[in-house]
Amino acid sequence: MSELELGIVENLVMLVIQLLVPALLGLALGEFRRWREQQAQDSAWWRVEEAVQDAVAAAEQLGLTGQLETYAGDKLAYATEQVEGRLAAMGLPLDLDPYGEVIRGMIEAEVRRQFG
């Protein structure tokens, strides 16, 4: 290969690199942003789960275990309020209304996990 051909190939490689690097960086940054958003959502749900665990334990401290059927609604309402309050205190003010059934399911699952 002559020096002229080598120079042309070198210039073509540099041109391709100059065109691809910004596109690849943009793609990588986009993927990183999506990953960070997912991590934030996962962290928020981890905090919800932690708040649910604490709220269930707090509701049980009300001493209503013997009258579960009578007071289950009150304990669920109490636990839900505790979850909302805990999340607000953590800086995650979350309106639980759209997630009410999910949070209720989490609370009920936690009750079964903690108390069989």
N, C-alpha and C. Protein backbone atom coordinates (compact mmCIF):
# COMPACT_ATOMS: atom_id res chain seq x y z
N MET A 1 0.85 -1.17 0.00
CA MET A 1 0.00 0.00 0.00
C MET A 1 0.90 1.24 0.00
N SER A 2 0.56 2.17 -0.86
CA SER A 2 1.40 3.36 -0.96
C SER A 2 1.03 4.34 0.16
N GLU A 3 1.86 5.33 0.30
CA GLU A 3 1.61 6.34 1.34
C GLU A 3 0.33 7.09 1.05
N LEU A 4 0.04 7.33 -0.20
CA LEU A 4 -1.18 8.04 -0.58
C LEU A 4 -2.41 7.21 -0.20
N GLU A 5 -2.40 5.92 -0.52
CA GLU A 5 -3.51 5.04 -0.16
C GLU A 5 -3.65 4.93 1.35
N LEU A 6 -2.52 4.82 2.04
CA LEU A 6 -2.54 4.74 3.50
C LEU A 6 -3.12 6.03 4.10
N GLY A 7 -2.78 7.15 3.53
CA GLY A 7 -3.31 8.44 3.99
C GLY A 7 -4.81 8.53 3.78
N ILE A 8 -5.28 8.03 2.63
CA ILE A 8 -6.71 8.05 2.33
C ILE A 8 -7.47 7.16 3.32
N VAL A 9 -6.94 5.95 3.55
CA VAL A 9 -7.57 5.03 4.49
C VAL A 9 -7.58 5.64 5.90
N GLU A 10 -6.48 6.24 6.28
CA GLU A 10 -6.39 6.87 7.60
C GLU A 10 -7.42 7.98 7.73
N ASN A 11 -7.57 8.80 6.71
CA ASN A 11 -8.56 9.88 6.74
C ASN A 11 -9.98 9.34 6.79
N LEU A 12 -10.25 8.26 6.07
CA LEU A 12 -11.58 7.64 6.10
C LEU A 12 -11.89 7.09 7.49
N VAL A 13 -10.90 6.43 8.10
CA VAL A 13 -11.09 5.88 9.45
C VAL A 13 -11.37 7.02 10.43
N MET A 14 -10.62 8.10 10.33
CA MET A 14 -10.82 9.25 11.23
C MET A 14 -12.21 9.86 11.02
N LEU A 15 -12.66 9.92 9.77
CA LEU A 15 -13.98 10.47 9.48
C LEU A 15 -15.07 9.59 10.09
N VAL A 16 -14.93 8.28 9.93
CA VAL A 16 -15.90 7.35 10.51
C VAL A 16 -15.92 7.48 12.03
N ILE A 17 -14.74 7.57 12.62
CA ILE A 17 -14.66 7.72 14.08
C ILE A 17 -15.33 9.02 14.52
N GLN A 18 -15.07 10.09 13.80
CA GLN A 18 -15.65 11.38 14.15
C GLN A 18 -17.17 11.37 14.01
N LEU A 19 -17.69 10.58 13.08
CA LEU A 19 -19.13 10.50 12.91
C LEU A 19 -19.78 9.55 13.92
N LEU A 20 -19.11 8.48 14.25
CA LEU A 20 -19.70 7.47 15.13
C LEU A 20 -19.60 7.80 16.61
N VAL A 21 -18.51 8.40 17.03
CA VAL A 21 -18.30 8.65 18.47
C VAL A 21 -19.42 9.50 19.06
N PRO A 22 -19.79 10.63 18.46
CA PRO A 22 -20.89 11.40 19.07
C PRO A 22 -22.21 10.62 19.10
N ALA A 23 -22.49 9.86 18.05
CA ALA A 23 -23.72 9.07 18.03
C ALA A 23 -23.69 8.01 19.12
N LEU A 24 -22.55 7.33 19.28
CA LEU A 24 -22.43 6.31 20.32
C LEU A 24 -22.50 6.92 21.71
N LEU A 25 -21.89 8.08 21.89
CA LEU A 25 -21.98 8.76 23.19
C LEU A 25 -23.42 9.15 23.49
N GLY A 26 -24.13 9.66 22.49
CA GLY A 26 -25.53 10.02 22.68
C GLY A 26 -26.36 8.80 23.07
N LEU A 27 -26.13 7.70 22.40
CA LEU A 27 -26.83 6.46 22.71
C LEU A 27 -26.50 5.99 24.13
N ALA A 28 -25.23 6.03 24.48
CA ALA A 28 -24.81 5.61 25.82
C ALA A 28 -25.41 6.51 26.89
N LEU A 29 -25.43 7.82 26.66
CA LEU A 29 -26.02 8.73 27.64
C LEU A 29 -27.52 8.50 27.78
N GLY A 30 -28.20 8.23 26.68
CA GLY A 30 -29.63 7.93 26.73
C GLY A 30 -29.90 6.67 27.54
N GLU A 31 -29.09 5.65 27.31
CA GLU A 31 -29.24 4.41 28.07
C GLU A 31 -28.95 4.65 29.56
N PHE A 32 -27.95 5.46 29.86
CA PHE A 32 -27.61 5.77 31.25
C PHE A 32 -28.76 6.50 31.93
N ARG A 33 -29.37 7.45 31.22
CA ARG A 33 -30.51 8.18 31.79
C ARG A 33 -31.68 7.23 32.08
N ARG A 34 -31.97 6.34 31.14
CA ARG A 34 -33.05 5.37 31.37
C ARG A 34 -32.72 4.47 32.56
N TRP A 35 -31.47 4.07 32.67
CA TRP A 35 -31.05 3.23 33.80
C TRP A 35 -31.23 3.97 35.12
N ARG A 36 -30.82 5.25 35.14
CA ARG A 36 -30.98 6.05 36.37
C ARG A 36 -32.44 6.22 36.74
N GLU A 37 -33.30 6.46 35.75
CA GLU A 37 -34.73 6.59 36.04
C GLU A 37 -35.29 5.29 36.62
N GLN A 38 -34.86 4.17 36.06
CA GLN A 38 -35.30 2.87 36.56
C GLN A 38 -34.81 2.65 37.99
N GLN A 39 -33.57 3.04 38.26
CA GLN A 39 -33.03 2.90 39.61
C GLN A 39 -33.82 3.76 40.59
N ALA A 40 -34.19 4.97 40.17
CA ALA A 40 -34.98 5.85 41.04
C ALA A 40 -36.34 5.23 41.33
N GLN A 41 -36.98 4.65 40.30
CA GLN A 41 -38.27 4.00 40.51
C GLN A 41 -38.12 2.80 41.44
N ASP A 42 -37.07 2.00 41.21
CA ASP A 42 -36.84 0.84 42.08
C ASP A 42 -36.61 1.28 43.51
N SER A 43 -35.85 2.36 43.69
CA SER A 43 -35.58 2.88 45.03
C SER A 43 -36.87 3.36 45.69
N ALA A 44 -37.72 4.02 44.90
CA ALA A 44 -38.99 4.50 45.45
C ALA A 44 -39.85 3.32 45.89
N TRP A 45 -39.92 2.25 45.09
CA TRP A 45 -40.73 1.10 45.47
C TRP A 45 -40.10 0.36 46.64
N TRP A 46 -38.77 0.36 46.73
CA TRP A 46 -38.13 -0.24 47.89
C TRP A 46 -38.53 0.53 49.14
N ARG A 47 -38.60 1.85 49.03
CA ARG A 47 -39.02 2.67 50.17
C ARG A 47 -40.48 2.40 50.52
N VAL A 48 -41.31 2.19 49.50
CA VAL A 48 -42.71 1.85 49.75
C VAL A 48 -42.78 0.53 50.51
N GLU A 49 -42.02 -0.47 50.07
CA GLU A 49 -42.03 -1.76 50.74
C GLU A 49 -41.56 -1.63 52.19
N GLU A 50 -40.53 -0.84 52.40
CA GLU A 50 -40.04 -0.62 53.76
C GLU A 50 -41.10 0.07 54.61
N ALA A 51 -41.77 1.06 54.04
CA ALA A 51 -42.82 1.76 54.77
C ALA A 51 -43.98 0.82 55.09
N VAL A 52 -44.31 -0.07 54.16
CA VAL A 52 -45.38 -1.05 54.39
C VAL A 52 -45.00 -1.97 55.54
N GLN A 53 -43.78 -2.46 55.56
CA GLN A 53 -43.34 -3.34 56.64
C GLN A 53 -43.48 -2.66 57.99
N ASP A 54 -43.01 -1.42 58.07
CA ASP A 54 -43.08 -0.69 59.33
C ASP A 54 -44.53 -0.37 59.71
N ALA A 55 -45.35 -0.03 58.72
CA ALA A 55 -46.74 0.31 59.00
C ALA A 55 -47.51 -0.91 59.51
N VAL A 56 -47.23 -2.08 58.94
CA VAL A 56 -47.90 -3.30 59.41
C VAL A 56 -47.50 -3.59 60.85
N ALA A 57 -46.22 -3.47 61.13
CA ALA A 57 -45.76 -3.70 62.50
C ALA A 57 -46.41 -2.70 63.45
N ALA A 58 -46.52 -1.45 63.03
CA ALA A 58 -47.14 -0.42 63.87
C ALA A 58 -48.62 -0.71 64.07
N ALA A 59 -49.30 -1.15 63.02
CA ALA A 59 -50.73 -1.47 63.15
C ALA A 59 -50.93 -2.63 64.10
N GLU A 60 -50.04 -3.59 64.08
CA GLU A 60 -50.14 -4.73 65.00
C GLU A 60 -49.93 -4.28 66.44
N GLN A 61 -49.16 -3.23 66.63
CA GLN A 61 -48.92 -2.73 67.98
C GLN A 61 -50.18 -2.14 68.60
N LEU A 62 -51.21 -1.94 67.77
CA LEU A 62 -52.48 -1.45 68.31
C LEU A 62 -53.14 -2.49 69.20
N GLY A 63 -52.67 -3.73 69.13
CA GLY A 63 -53.18 -4.78 70.00
C GLY A 63 -54.52 -5.33 69.58
N LEU A 64 -54.82 -5.32 68.31
CA LEU A 64 -56.13 -5.75 67.83
C LEU A 64 -56.09 -7.14 67.20
N THR A 65 -55.05 -7.90 67.47
CA THR A 65 -54.91 -9.19 66.79
C THR A 65 -56.04 -10.14 67.08
N GLY A 66 -56.59 -10.13 68.27
CA GLY A 66 -57.67 -11.04 68.62
C GLY A 66 -58.98 -10.70 67.94
N GLN A 67 -59.11 -9.48 67.47
CA GLN A 67 -60.35 -9.02 66.86
C GLN A 67 -60.09 -8.62 65.41
N LEU A 68 -59.34 -9.44 64.71
CA LEU A 68 -58.86 -9.10 63.38
C LEU A 68 -60.00 -8.78 62.42
N GLU A 69 -61.04 -9.60 62.41
CA GLU A 69 -62.12 -9.37 61.45
C GLU A 69 -62.80 -8.03 61.71
N THR A 70 -63.01 -7.70 62.97
CA THR A 70 -63.70 -6.46 63.31
C THR A 70 -62.86 -5.24 62.98
N TYR A 71 -61.56 -5.33 63.27
CA TYR A 71 -60.71 -4.16 63.15
C TYR A 71 -59.79 -4.18 61.93
N ALA A 72 -59.95 -5.15 61.05
CA ALA A 72 -59.05 -5.25 59.90
C ALA A 72 -59.11 -3.99 59.04
N GLY A 73 -60.31 -3.46 58.83
CA GLY A 73 -60.44 -2.24 58.03
C GLY A 73 -59.72 -1.07 58.68
N ASP A 74 -59.85 -0.95 60.01
CA ASP A 74 -59.18 0.13 60.73
C ASP A 74 -57.66 -0.04 60.65
N LYS A 75 -57.21 -1.28 60.77
CA LYS A 75 -55.76 -1.52 60.71
C LYS A 75 -55.23 -1.24 59.32
N LEU A 76 -56.00 -1.61 58.29
CA LEU A 76 -55.58 -1.33 56.92
C LEU A 76 -55.52 0.17 56.67
N ALA A 77 -56.54 0.88 57.13
CA ALA A 77 -56.55 2.34 56.97
C ALA A 77 -55.37 2.96 57.72
N TYR A 78 -55.12 2.47 58.92
CA TYR A 78 -53.99 2.97 59.70
C TYR A 78 -52.68 2.70 58.98
N ALA A 79 -52.51 1.49 58.49
CA ALA A 79 -51.27 1.13 57.79
C ALA A 79 -51.09 1.98 56.54
N THR A 80 -52.17 2.20 55.80
CA THR A 80 -52.10 3.03 54.59
C THR A 80 -51.70 4.46 54.93
N GLU A 81 -52.30 5.01 55.98
CA GLU A 81 -51.92 6.36 56.42
C GLU A 81 -50.46 6.41 56.83
N GLN A 82 -50.00 5.38 57.51
CA GLN A 82 -48.60 5.33 57.93
C GLN A 82 -47.67 5.28 56.72
N VAL A 83 -48.05 4.52 55.72
CA VAL A 83 -47.22 4.44 54.50
C VAL A 83 -47.15 5.81 53.84
N GLU A 84 -48.29 6.47 53.69
CA GLU A 84 -48.29 7.81 53.08
C GLU A 84 -47.44 8.78 53.88
N GLY A 85 -47.60 8.77 55.21
CA GLY A 85 -46.83 9.66 56.05
C GLY A 85 -45.34 9.39 55.98
N ARG A 86 -44.98 8.12 55.99
CA ARG A 86 -43.56 7.75 55.93
C ARG A 86 -42.94 8.18 54.62
N LEU A 87 -43.66 7.98 53.51
CA LEU A 87 -43.13 8.38 52.21
C LEU A 87 -43.00 9.89 52.11
N ALA A 88 -43.97 10.61 52.65
CA ALA A 88 -43.89 12.07 52.65
C ALA A 88 -42.68 12.54 53.46
N ALA A 89 -42.43 11.89 54.60
CA ALA A 89 -41.29 12.24 55.44
C ALA A 89 -39.97 11.95 54.72
N MET A 90 -39.97 10.94 53.84
CA MET A 90 -38.77 10.61 53.07
C MET A 90 -38.59 11.51 51.86
N GLY A 91 -39.53 12.42 51.66
CA GLY A 91 -39.43 13.28 50.49
C GLY A 91 -40.04 12.65 49.25
N LEU A 92 -40.85 11.62 49.44
CA LEU A 92 -41.54 10.97 48.31
C LEU A 92 -43.04 11.11 48.50
N PRO A 93 -43.56 12.35 48.38
CA PRO A 93 -45.00 12.49 48.54
C PRO A 93 -45.69 11.76 47.40
N LEU A 94 -46.33 10.66 47.73
CA LEU A 94 -46.95 9.81 46.73
C LEU A 94 -48.42 9.69 47.03
N ASP A 95 -49.24 10.08 46.07
CA ASP A 95 -50.68 9.90 46.22
C ASP A 95 -50.96 8.43 46.03
N LEU A 96 -51.39 7.78 47.09
CA LEU A 96 -51.59 6.34 47.04
C LEU A 96 -52.89 5.93 46.37
N ASP A 97 -53.76 6.89 46.07
CA ASP A 97 -55.04 6.54 45.47
C ASP A 97 -54.89 5.71 44.19
N PRO A 98 -54.05 6.13 43.23
CA PRO A 98 -53.93 5.30 42.02
C PRO A 98 -53.30 3.94 42.30
N TYR A 99 -52.56 3.85 43.38
CA TYR A 99 -51.87 2.61 43.73
C TYR A 99 -52.54 1.91 44.90
N GLY A 100 -53.74 2.33 45.23
CA GLY A 100 -54.41 1.81 46.42
C GLY A 100 -54.49 0.30 46.48
N GLU A 101 -54.88 -0.32 45.40
CA GLU A 101 -55.01 -1.78 45.41
C GLU A 101 -53.64 -2.46 45.53
N VAL A 102 -52.63 -1.86 44.89
CA VAL A 102 -51.28 -2.42 44.97
C VAL A 102 -50.77 -2.31 46.41
N ILE A 103 -50.94 -1.14 47.01
CA ILE A 103 -50.48 -0.92 48.39
C ILE A 103 -51.26 -1.84 49.33
N ARG A 104 -52.55 -1.96 49.11
CA ARG A 104 -53.37 -2.85 49.95
C ARG A 104 -52.85 -4.28 49.85
N GLY A 105 -52.57 -4.72 48.64
CA GLY A 105 -52.03 -6.06 48.45
C GLY A 105 -50.69 -6.23 49.13
N MET A 106 -49.85 -5.20 49.06
CA MET A 106 -48.55 -5.25 49.73
C MET A 106 -48.73 -5.35 51.24
N ILE A 107 -49.69 -4.58 51.77
CA ILE A 107 -49.94 -4.61 53.21
C ILE A 107 -50.45 -5.98 53.63
N GLU A 108 -51.40 -6.52 52.87
CA GLU A 108 -51.94 -7.84 53.22
C GLU A 108 -50.87 -8.92 53.12
N ALA A 109 -50.02 -8.84 52.09
CA ALA A 109 -48.94 -9.81 51.95
C ALA A 109 -47.95 -9.69 53.11
N GLU A 110 -47.69 -8.47 53.54
CA GLU A 110 -46.77 -8.26 54.65
C GLU A 110 -47.36 -8.80 55.95
N VAL A 111 -48.67 -8.63 56.13
CA VAL A 111 -49.33 -9.18 57.32
C VAL A 111 -49.16 -10.69 57.34
N ARG A 112 -49.42 -11.33 56.19
CA ARG A 112 -49.26 -12.78 56.13
C ARG A 112 -47.80 -13.20 56.36
N ARG A 113 -46.87 -12.41 55.83
CA ARG A 113 -45.45 -12.74 56.00
C ARG A 113 -45.04 -12.61 57.46
N GLN A 114 -45.47 -11.52 58.11
CA GLN A 114 -45.03 -11.28 59.48
C GLN A 114 -45.78 -12.16 60.48
N PHE A 115 -47.05 -12.46 60.21
CA PHE A 115 -47.86 -13.10 61.24
C PHE A 115 -48.52 -14.39 60.79
N GLY A 116 -48.13 -14.89 59.62
CA GLY A 116 -48.62 -16.18 59.15
C GLY A 116 -50.07 -16.13 58.87
